[in-house]
Amino acid sequence: MMLNNQLATPQDYQLILSIWEKSALATHDFLSPNDLVFYKEQIPNFLDHVELRLWSIDKQQPIGFSGTSDNELDMLFLDPRKIGGGYGHQILTWLIENKQINKIDVNEQNHRAKDFYLKHGFKIVSRSERDGFDKPYPILHLEK
């Protein structure tokens, strides 16, 4: 199956938020319900500040999205039904090769994502006790 990407537009933001919410519910079980709502409200503030790409299989319904700035991966979320199918690997490989991605921040409690990035050659270079919103979710700063 061919994985395609296209630049997202503001018309795609509702779809992106829907993918984000499904993915976060499946992968971020460490977040409190109130914090999940808080982050969902914050996500739209960042979409215009990253190179936002929608990812789809054979140009069908998008299965995920990525957001990058400079050489940093700011966000990568997949429809939870597609996690584990090799799509994250394809997306990350494309971003490394085409966008020179070599920095990623990941929630320490998101073990699956942390292990995914470490498996792809990223190394933990530092740790922040609190996230960018000063919430008690440690962040690992990774570099390749």
N, C-alpha and C. Protein backbone atom coordinates (compact mmCIF):
# COMPACT_ATOMS: atom_id res chain seq x y z
N MET A 1 0.84 -1.19 0.00
CA MET A 1 0.00 0.00 0.00
C MET A 1 0.88 1.24 0.00
N MET A 2 0.50 2.17 -0.83
CA MET A 2 1.27 3.41 -0.98
C MET A 2 0.80 4.44 0.04
N LEU A 3 1.72 4.98 0.81
CA LEU A 3 1.41 6.02 1.77
C LEU A 3 1.68 7.37 1.10
N ASN A 4 0.68 8.22 1.08
CA ASN A 4 0.78 9.53 0.46
C ASN A 4 0.66 10.61 1.52
N ASN A 5 1.24 11.79 1.20
CA ASN A 5 1.04 12.93 2.08
C ASN A 5 0.74 14.16 1.26
N GLN A 6 0.05 15.06 1.91
CA GLN A 6 -0.23 16.36 1.29
C GLN A 6 -0.23 17.40 2.39
N LEU A 7 0.10 18.63 2.01
CA LEU A 7 0.05 19.71 2.98
C LEU A 7 -1.39 19.94 3.40
N ALA A 8 -1.60 20.11 4.68
CA ALA A 8 -2.95 20.35 5.20
C ALA A 8 -3.28 21.84 5.09
N THR A 9 -4.56 22.11 5.05
CA THR A 9 -5.06 23.48 5.00
C THR A 9 -5.98 23.69 6.21
N PRO A 10 -6.34 24.94 6.51
CA PRO A 10 -7.27 25.16 7.62
C PRO A 10 -8.58 24.39 7.49
N GLN A 11 -8.98 24.06 6.27
CA GLN A 11 -10.21 23.26 6.09
C GLN A 11 -10.05 21.84 6.63
N ASP A 12 -8.81 21.41 6.84
CA ASP A 12 -8.54 20.07 7.36
C ASP A 12 -8.46 20.02 8.89
N TYR A 13 -8.54 21.17 9.54
CA TYR A 13 -8.30 21.21 10.98
C TYR A 13 -9.28 20.36 11.79
N GLN A 14 -10.54 20.32 11.40
CA GLN A 14 -11.50 19.50 12.15
C GLN A 14 -11.14 18.02 12.05
N LEU A 15 -10.75 17.58 10.86
CA LEU A 15 -10.31 16.20 10.67
C LEU A 15 -9.07 15.92 11.51
N ILE A 16 -8.13 16.85 11.51
CA ILE A 16 -6.90 16.70 12.29
C ILE A 16 -7.22 16.59 13.77
N LEU A 17 -8.11 17.44 14.26
CA LEU A 17 -8.50 17.37 15.67
C LEU A 17 -9.17 16.04 16.00
N SER A 18 -9.95 15.53 15.08
CA SER A 18 -10.61 14.24 15.28
C SER A 18 -9.57 13.12 15.37
N ILE A 19 -8.60 13.13 14.47
CA ILE A 19 -7.52 12.12 14.52
C ILE A 19 -6.75 12.27 15.82
N TRP A 20 -6.42 13.53 16.19
CA TRP A 20 -5.67 13.76 17.41
C TRP A 20 -6.41 13.18 18.63
N GLU A 21 -7.71 13.47 18.72
CA GLU A 21 -8.46 13.03 19.89
C GLU A 21 -8.52 11.51 19.98
N LYS A 22 -8.80 10.83 18.86
CA LYS A 22 -8.84 9.36 18.87
C LYS A 22 -7.48 8.78 19.26
N SER A 23 -6.43 9.35 18.68
CA SER A 23 -5.08 8.87 18.96
C SER A 23 -4.69 9.13 20.41
N ALA A 24 -4.96 10.33 20.90
CA ALA A 24 -4.61 10.67 22.28
C ALA A 24 -5.36 9.80 23.28
N LEU A 25 -6.63 9.52 23.01
CA LEU A 25 -7.39 8.65 23.90
C LEU A 25 -6.79 7.25 23.97
N ALA A 26 -6.24 6.80 22.84
CA ALA A 26 -5.67 5.45 22.78
C ALA A 26 -4.25 5.37 23.31
N THR A 27 -3.49 6.47 23.25
CA THR A 27 -2.07 6.40 23.57
C THR A 27 -1.65 7.22 24.78
N HIS A 28 -2.48 8.14 25.21
CA HIS A 28 -2.11 9.05 26.30
C HIS A 28 -3.00 8.79 27.53
N ASP A 29 -3.06 7.52 27.96
CA ASP A 29 -3.92 7.16 29.08
C ASP A 29 -3.44 7.76 30.40
N PHE A 30 -2.26 8.35 30.40
CA PHE A 30 -1.73 9.00 31.60
C PHE A 30 -2.31 10.39 31.81
N LEU A 31 -2.98 10.95 30.81
CA LEU A 31 -3.56 12.29 30.95
C LEU A 31 -4.87 12.22 31.74
N SER A 32 -5.07 13.19 32.58
CA SER A 32 -6.36 13.28 33.27
C SER A 32 -7.42 13.72 32.25
N PRO A 33 -8.70 13.39 32.47
CA PRO A 33 -9.74 13.83 31.54
C PRO A 33 -9.74 15.36 31.34
N ASN A 34 -9.53 16.10 32.41
CA ASN A 34 -9.49 17.57 32.28
C ASN A 34 -8.33 18.03 31.42
N ASP A 35 -7.17 17.37 31.58
CA ASP A 35 -6.02 17.75 30.78
C ASP A 35 -6.21 17.37 29.31
N LEU A 36 -6.89 16.27 29.07
CA LEU A 36 -7.18 15.89 27.68
C LEU A 36 -8.00 16.99 27.00
N VAL A 37 -9.00 17.50 27.69
CA VAL A 37 -9.81 18.61 27.16
C VAL A 37 -8.93 19.85 26.97
N PHE A 38 -8.08 20.14 27.96
CA PHE A 38 -7.19 21.29 27.88
C PHE A 38 -6.32 21.22 26.62
N TYR A 39 -5.67 20.08 26.39
CA TYR A 39 -4.78 19.95 25.23
C TYR A 39 -5.57 20.03 23.93
N LYS A 40 -6.74 19.44 23.90
CA LYS A 40 -7.56 19.51 22.68
C LYS A 40 -7.87 20.97 22.33
N GLU A 41 -8.08 21.79 23.34
CA GLU A 41 -8.34 23.21 23.10
C GLU A 41 -7.08 23.94 22.65
N GLN A 42 -5.90 23.44 23.03
CA GLN A 42 -4.64 24.09 22.67
C GLN A 42 -4.15 23.74 21.27
N ILE A 43 -4.43 22.53 20.82
CA ILE A 43 -3.90 22.05 19.53
C ILE A 43 -4.14 23.04 18.38
N PRO A 44 -5.35 23.59 18.21
CA PRO A 44 -5.55 24.50 17.07
C PRO A 44 -4.60 25.71 17.07
N ASN A 45 -4.12 26.12 18.24
CA ASN A 45 -3.20 27.26 18.32
C ASN A 45 -1.84 26.96 17.68
N PHE A 46 -1.53 25.69 17.49
CA PHE A 46 -0.22 25.31 16.96
C PHE A 46 -0.25 24.92 15.49
N LEU A 47 -1.43 24.65 14.96
CA LEU A 47 -1.50 24.11 13.61
C LEU A 47 -0.98 25.06 12.54
N ASP A 48 -1.14 26.35 12.73
CA ASP A 48 -0.65 27.32 11.75
C ASP A 48 0.85 27.56 11.86
N HIS A 49 1.49 27.01 12.88
CA HIS A 49 2.90 27.30 13.13
C HIS A 49 3.82 26.13 12.80
N VAL A 50 3.27 25.10 12.17
CA VAL A 50 4.06 23.95 11.75
C VAL A 50 3.74 23.63 10.30
N GLU A 51 4.65 22.89 9.67
CA GLU A 51 4.34 22.36 8.34
C GLU A 51 3.49 21.12 8.59
N LEU A 52 2.23 21.25 8.32
CA LEU A 52 1.23 20.24 8.66
C LEU A 52 0.94 19.37 7.45
N ARG A 53 1.10 18.07 7.61
CA ARG A 53 0.86 17.12 6.52
C ARG A 53 -0.17 16.08 6.95
N LEU A 54 -1.07 15.80 6.02
CA LEU A 54 -2.02 14.69 6.19
C LEU A 54 -1.45 13.48 5.47
N TRP A 55 -1.59 12.32 6.10
CA TRP A 55 -1.06 11.07 5.54
C TRP A 55 -2.22 10.14 5.26
N SER A 56 -2.21 9.53 4.08
CA SER A 56 -3.29 8.62 3.70
C SER A 56 -2.73 7.43 2.93
N ILE A 57 -3.51 6.36 2.91
CA ILE A 57 -3.15 5.15 2.18
C ILE A 57 -3.84 5.23 0.82
N ASP A 58 -3.05 5.16 -0.24
CA ASP A 58 -3.59 5.17 -1.60
C ASP A 58 -4.58 6.32 -1.82
N LYS A 59 -4.26 7.47 -1.25
CA LYS A 59 -5.04 8.71 -1.42
C LYS A 59 -6.49 8.58 -0.97
N GLN A 60 -6.71 7.72 0.00
CA GLN A 60 -8.04 7.56 0.59
C GLN A 60 -8.16 8.50 1.80
N GLN A 61 -9.08 8.19 2.70
CA GLN A 61 -9.27 8.97 3.92
C GLN A 61 -7.96 9.04 4.71
N PRO A 62 -7.55 10.22 5.17
CA PRO A 62 -6.31 10.33 5.95
C PRO A 62 -6.33 9.44 7.20
N ILE A 63 -5.15 8.86 7.47
CA ILE A 63 -4.99 7.99 8.64
C ILE A 63 -4.16 8.66 9.74
N GLY A 64 -3.61 9.83 9.44
CA GLY A 64 -2.78 10.50 10.43
C GLY A 64 -2.30 11.84 9.94
N PHE A 65 -1.55 12.50 10.82
CA PHE A 65 -0.97 13.80 10.45
C PHE A 65 0.35 14.00 11.16
N SER A 66 1.16 14.85 10.57
CA SER A 66 2.43 15.24 11.18
C SER A 66 2.56 16.75 11.12
N GLY A 67 3.31 17.27 12.06
CA GLY A 67 3.63 18.70 12.07
C GLY A 67 5.10 18.86 12.36
N THR A 68 5.80 19.60 11.50
CA THR A 68 7.22 19.81 11.67
C THR A 68 7.54 21.30 11.62
N SER A 69 8.65 21.66 12.25
CA SER A 69 9.19 23.01 12.13
C SER A 69 10.70 22.88 12.14
N ASP A 70 11.32 23.49 11.16
CA ASP A 70 12.77 23.34 10.97
C ASP A 70 13.09 21.85 10.94
N ASN A 71 13.97 21.40 11.83
CA ASN A 71 14.35 19.98 11.82
C ASN A 71 13.72 19.22 12.99
N GLU A 72 12.59 19.71 13.50
CA GLU A 72 11.94 19.09 14.65
C GLU A 72 10.56 18.55 14.28
N LEU A 73 10.29 17.34 14.76
CA LEU A 73 8.96 16.77 14.64
C LEU A 73 8.16 17.23 15.85
N ASP A 74 7.17 18.08 15.61
CA ASP A 74 6.37 18.64 16.69
C ASP A 74 5.17 17.77 17.03
N MET A 75 4.65 17.05 16.04
CA MET A 75 3.48 16.21 16.28
C MET A 75 3.40 15.12 15.22
N LEU A 76 3.05 13.94 15.66
CA LEU A 76 2.79 12.80 14.76
C LEU A 76 1.72 11.96 15.45
N PHE A 77 0.55 11.93 14.82
CA PHE A 77 -0.57 11.18 15.39
C PHE A 77 -1.22 10.34 14.29
N LEU A 78 -1.52 9.11 14.63
CA LEU A 78 -2.18 8.18 13.72
C LEU A 78 -3.53 7.77 14.28
N ASP A 79 -4.44 7.46 13.36
CA ASP A 79 -5.68 6.80 13.76
C ASP A 79 -5.27 5.57 14.55
N PRO A 80 -5.80 5.37 15.75
CA PRO A 80 -5.34 4.24 16.58
C PRO A 80 -5.52 2.88 15.92
N ARG A 81 -6.45 2.75 14.98
CA ARG A 81 -6.62 1.47 14.27
C ARG A 81 -5.45 1.18 13.33
N LYS A 82 -4.64 2.20 13.06
CA LYS A 82 -3.50 2.04 12.14
C LYS A 82 -2.17 1.94 12.87
N ILE A 83 -2.17 2.17 14.18
CA ILE A 83 -0.93 2.08 14.96
C ILE A 83 -0.45 0.63 14.95
N GLY A 84 0.83 0.45 14.72
CA GLY A 84 1.41 -0.89 14.69
C GLY A 84 1.43 -1.50 13.30
N GLY A 85 0.93 -0.78 12.31
CA GLY A 85 0.89 -1.30 10.94
C GLY A 85 2.04 -0.87 10.06
N GLY A 86 3.04 -0.22 10.65
CA GLY A 86 4.20 0.21 9.88
C GLY A 86 4.07 1.61 9.29
N TYR A 87 2.91 2.24 9.49
CA TYR A 87 2.69 3.56 8.91
C TYR A 87 3.52 4.63 9.60
N GLY A 88 3.63 4.56 10.92
CA GLY A 88 4.47 5.50 11.64
C GLY A 88 5.91 5.43 11.17
N HIS A 89 6.40 4.22 10.93
CA HIS A 89 7.75 4.02 10.41
C HIS A 89 7.90 4.70 9.05
N GLN A 90 6.94 4.50 8.17
CA GLN A 90 7.00 5.11 6.84
C GLN A 90 6.99 6.63 6.93
N ILE A 91 6.13 7.17 7.79
CA ILE A 91 6.03 8.62 7.94
C ILE A 91 7.33 9.19 8.50
N LEU A 92 7.82 8.59 9.59
CA LEU A 92 9.03 9.10 10.22
C LEU A 92 10.22 9.01 9.26
N THR A 93 10.34 7.90 8.54
CA THR A 93 11.43 7.75 7.57
C THR A 93 11.35 8.83 6.51
N TRP A 94 10.16 9.10 6.00
CA TRP A 94 9.98 10.14 4.98
C TRP A 94 10.38 11.50 5.55
N LEU A 95 9.96 11.79 6.77
CA LEU A 95 10.28 13.08 7.39
C LEU A 95 11.78 13.23 7.65
N ILE A 96 12.43 12.17 8.05
CA ILE A 96 13.88 12.22 8.28
C ILE A 96 14.60 12.47 6.95
N GLU A 97 14.18 11.75 5.92
CA GLU A 97 14.85 11.86 4.62
C GLU A 97 14.53 13.16 3.88
N ASN A 98 13.30 13.63 3.98
CA ASN A 98 12.87 14.78 3.18
C ASN A 98 12.84 16.10 3.94
N LYS A 99 12.73 16.04 5.26
CA LYS A 99 12.66 17.26 6.07
C LYS A 99 13.79 17.34 7.09
N GLN A 100 14.73 16.39 7.00
CA GLN A 100 15.90 16.37 7.88
C GLN A 100 15.54 16.43 9.36
N ILE A 101 14.46 15.75 9.71
CA ILE A 101 14.02 15.71 11.11
C ILE A 101 15.08 14.99 11.94
N ASN A 102 15.56 15.66 13.01
CA ASN A 102 16.51 15.01 13.92
C ASN A 102 16.26 15.37 15.38
N LYS A 103 15.11 16.01 15.66
CA LYS A 103 14.74 16.33 17.04
C LYS A 103 13.26 16.01 17.26
N ILE A 104 12.98 15.46 18.42
CA ILE A 104 11.61 15.11 18.78
C ILE A 104 11.48 15.22 20.30
N ASP A 105 10.37 15.77 20.76
CA ASP A 105 10.02 15.71 22.17
C ASP A 105 8.89 14.70 22.32
N VAL A 106 8.96 13.88 23.37
CA VAL A 106 7.93 12.86 23.58
C VAL A 106 7.60 12.80 25.07
N ASN A 107 6.33 12.55 25.36
CA ASN A 107 5.93 12.35 26.76
C ASN A 107 6.62 11.10 27.30
N GLU A 108 7.25 11.24 28.44
CA GLU A 108 7.93 10.10 29.05
C GLU A 108 6.97 8.95 29.32
N GLN A 109 5.72 9.27 29.68
CA GLN A 109 4.74 8.22 30.01
C GLN A 109 4.17 7.53 28.77
N ASN A 110 4.41 8.08 27.60
CA ASN A 110 3.94 7.47 26.36
C ASN A 110 5.02 6.47 25.92
N HIS A 111 5.04 5.32 26.58
CA HIS A 111 6.11 4.34 26.40
C HIS A 111 6.19 3.83 24.96
N ARG A 112 5.05 3.62 24.34
CA ARG A 112 5.06 3.10 22.98
C ARG A 112 5.73 4.08 22.02
N ALA A 113 5.40 5.37 22.14
CA ALA A 113 6.02 6.39 21.28
C ALA A 113 7.50 6.52 21.58
N LYS A 114 7.85 6.55 22.86
CA LYS A 114 9.26 6.65 23.25
C LYS A 114 10.06 5.49 22.65
N ASP A 115 9.55 4.28 22.81
CA ASP A 115 10.24 3.10 22.27
C ASP A 115 10.33 3.17 20.74
N PHE A 116 9.29 3.66 20.10
CA PHE A 116 9.26 3.81 18.64
C PHE A 116 10.41 4.71 18.18
N TYR A 117 10.55 5.87 18.80
CA TYR A 117 11.60 6.80 18.38
C TYR A 117 12.99 6.27 18.71
N LEU A 118 13.14 5.64 19.86
CA LEU A 118 14.44 5.06 20.22
C LEU A 118 14.83 3.97 19.22
N LYS A 119 13.85 3.18 18.79
CA LYS A 119 14.10 2.12 17.80
C LYS A 119 14.55 2.70 16.47
N HIS A 120 14.14 3.94 16.20
CA HIS A 120 14.51 4.59 14.94
C HIS A 120 15.79 5.43 15.06
N GLY A 121 16.57 5.18 16.10
CA GLY A 121 17.88 5.79 16.21
C GLY A 121 17.96 7.09 16.98
N PHE A 122 16.84 7.52 17.55
CA PHE A 122 16.88 8.73 18.37
C PHE A 122 17.41 8.38 19.75
N LYS A 123 18.07 9.34 20.38
CA LYS A 123 18.63 9.15 21.72
C LYS A 123 18.07 10.23 22.63
N ILE A 124 17.87 9.88 23.90
CA ILE A 124 17.42 10.86 24.90
C ILE A 124 18.61 11.76 25.23
N VAL A 125 18.44 13.07 25.02
CA VAL A 125 19.54 14.00 25.33
C VAL A 125 19.25 14.82 26.59
N SER A 126 17.97 14.96 26.94
CA SER A 126 17.63 15.66 28.17
C SER A 126 16.18 15.36 28.54
N ARG A 127 15.79 15.81 29.72
CA ARG A 127 14.45 15.54 30.24
C ARG A 127 13.95 16.78 30.95
N SER A 128 12.71 17.12 30.73
CA SER A 128 12.05 18.21 31.46
C SER A 128 11.01 17.59 32.39
N GLU A 129 10.99 18.02 33.62
CA GLU A 129 10.07 17.47 34.62
C GLU A 129 8.62 17.78 34.28
N ARG A 130 8.39 18.96 33.64
CA ARG A 130 7.03 19.39 33.31
C ARG A 130 6.97 19.72 31.82
N ASP A 131 5.78 19.62 31.26
CA ASP A 131 5.64 19.91 29.83
C ASP A 131 5.61 21.42 29.58
N GLY A 132 5.44 21.80 28.32
CA GLY A 132 5.46 23.20 27.93
C GLY A 132 4.34 24.04 28.51
N PHE A 133 3.33 23.40 29.07
CA PHE A 133 2.22 24.12 29.72
C PHE A 133 2.36 24.07 31.24
N ASP A 134 3.52 23.65 31.70
CA ASP A 134 3.83 23.52 33.13
C ASP A 134 2.95 22.50 33.83
N LYS A 135 2.55 21.49 33.08
CA LYS A 135 1.77 20.39 33.66
C LYS A 135 2.74 19.26 34.02
N PRO A 136 2.36 18.41 34.99
CA PRO A 136 3.28 17.40 35.52
C PRO A 136 3.44 16.16 34.64
N TYR A 137 3.74 16.39 33.36
CA TYR A 137 3.97 15.30 32.42
C TYR A 137 5.38 15.46 31.87
N PRO A 138 6.33 14.66 32.40
CA PRO A 138 7.72 14.80 31.96
C PRO A 138 7.88 14.61 30.45
N ILE A 139 8.78 15.40 29.89
CA ILE A 139 9.06 15.37 28.45
C ILE A 139 10.50 14.91 28.24
N LEU A 140 10.68 13.96 27.33
CA LEU A 140 12.01 13.53 26.93
C LEU A 140 12.37 14.25 25.63
N HIS A 141 13.55 14.83 25.59
CA HIS A 141 14.03 15.53 24.40
C HIS A 141 14.99 14.57 23.68
N LEU A 142 14.61 14.22 22.46
CA LEU A 142 15.37 13.23 21.69
C LEU A 142 16.05 13.89 20.50
N GLU A 143 17.21 13.33 20.14
CA GLU A 143 17.93 13.77 18.95
C GLU A 143 18.51 12.57 18.24
N LYS A 144 18.71 12.73 16.96
CA LYS A 144 19.29 11.67 16.12
C LYS A 144 20.63 12.14 15.62
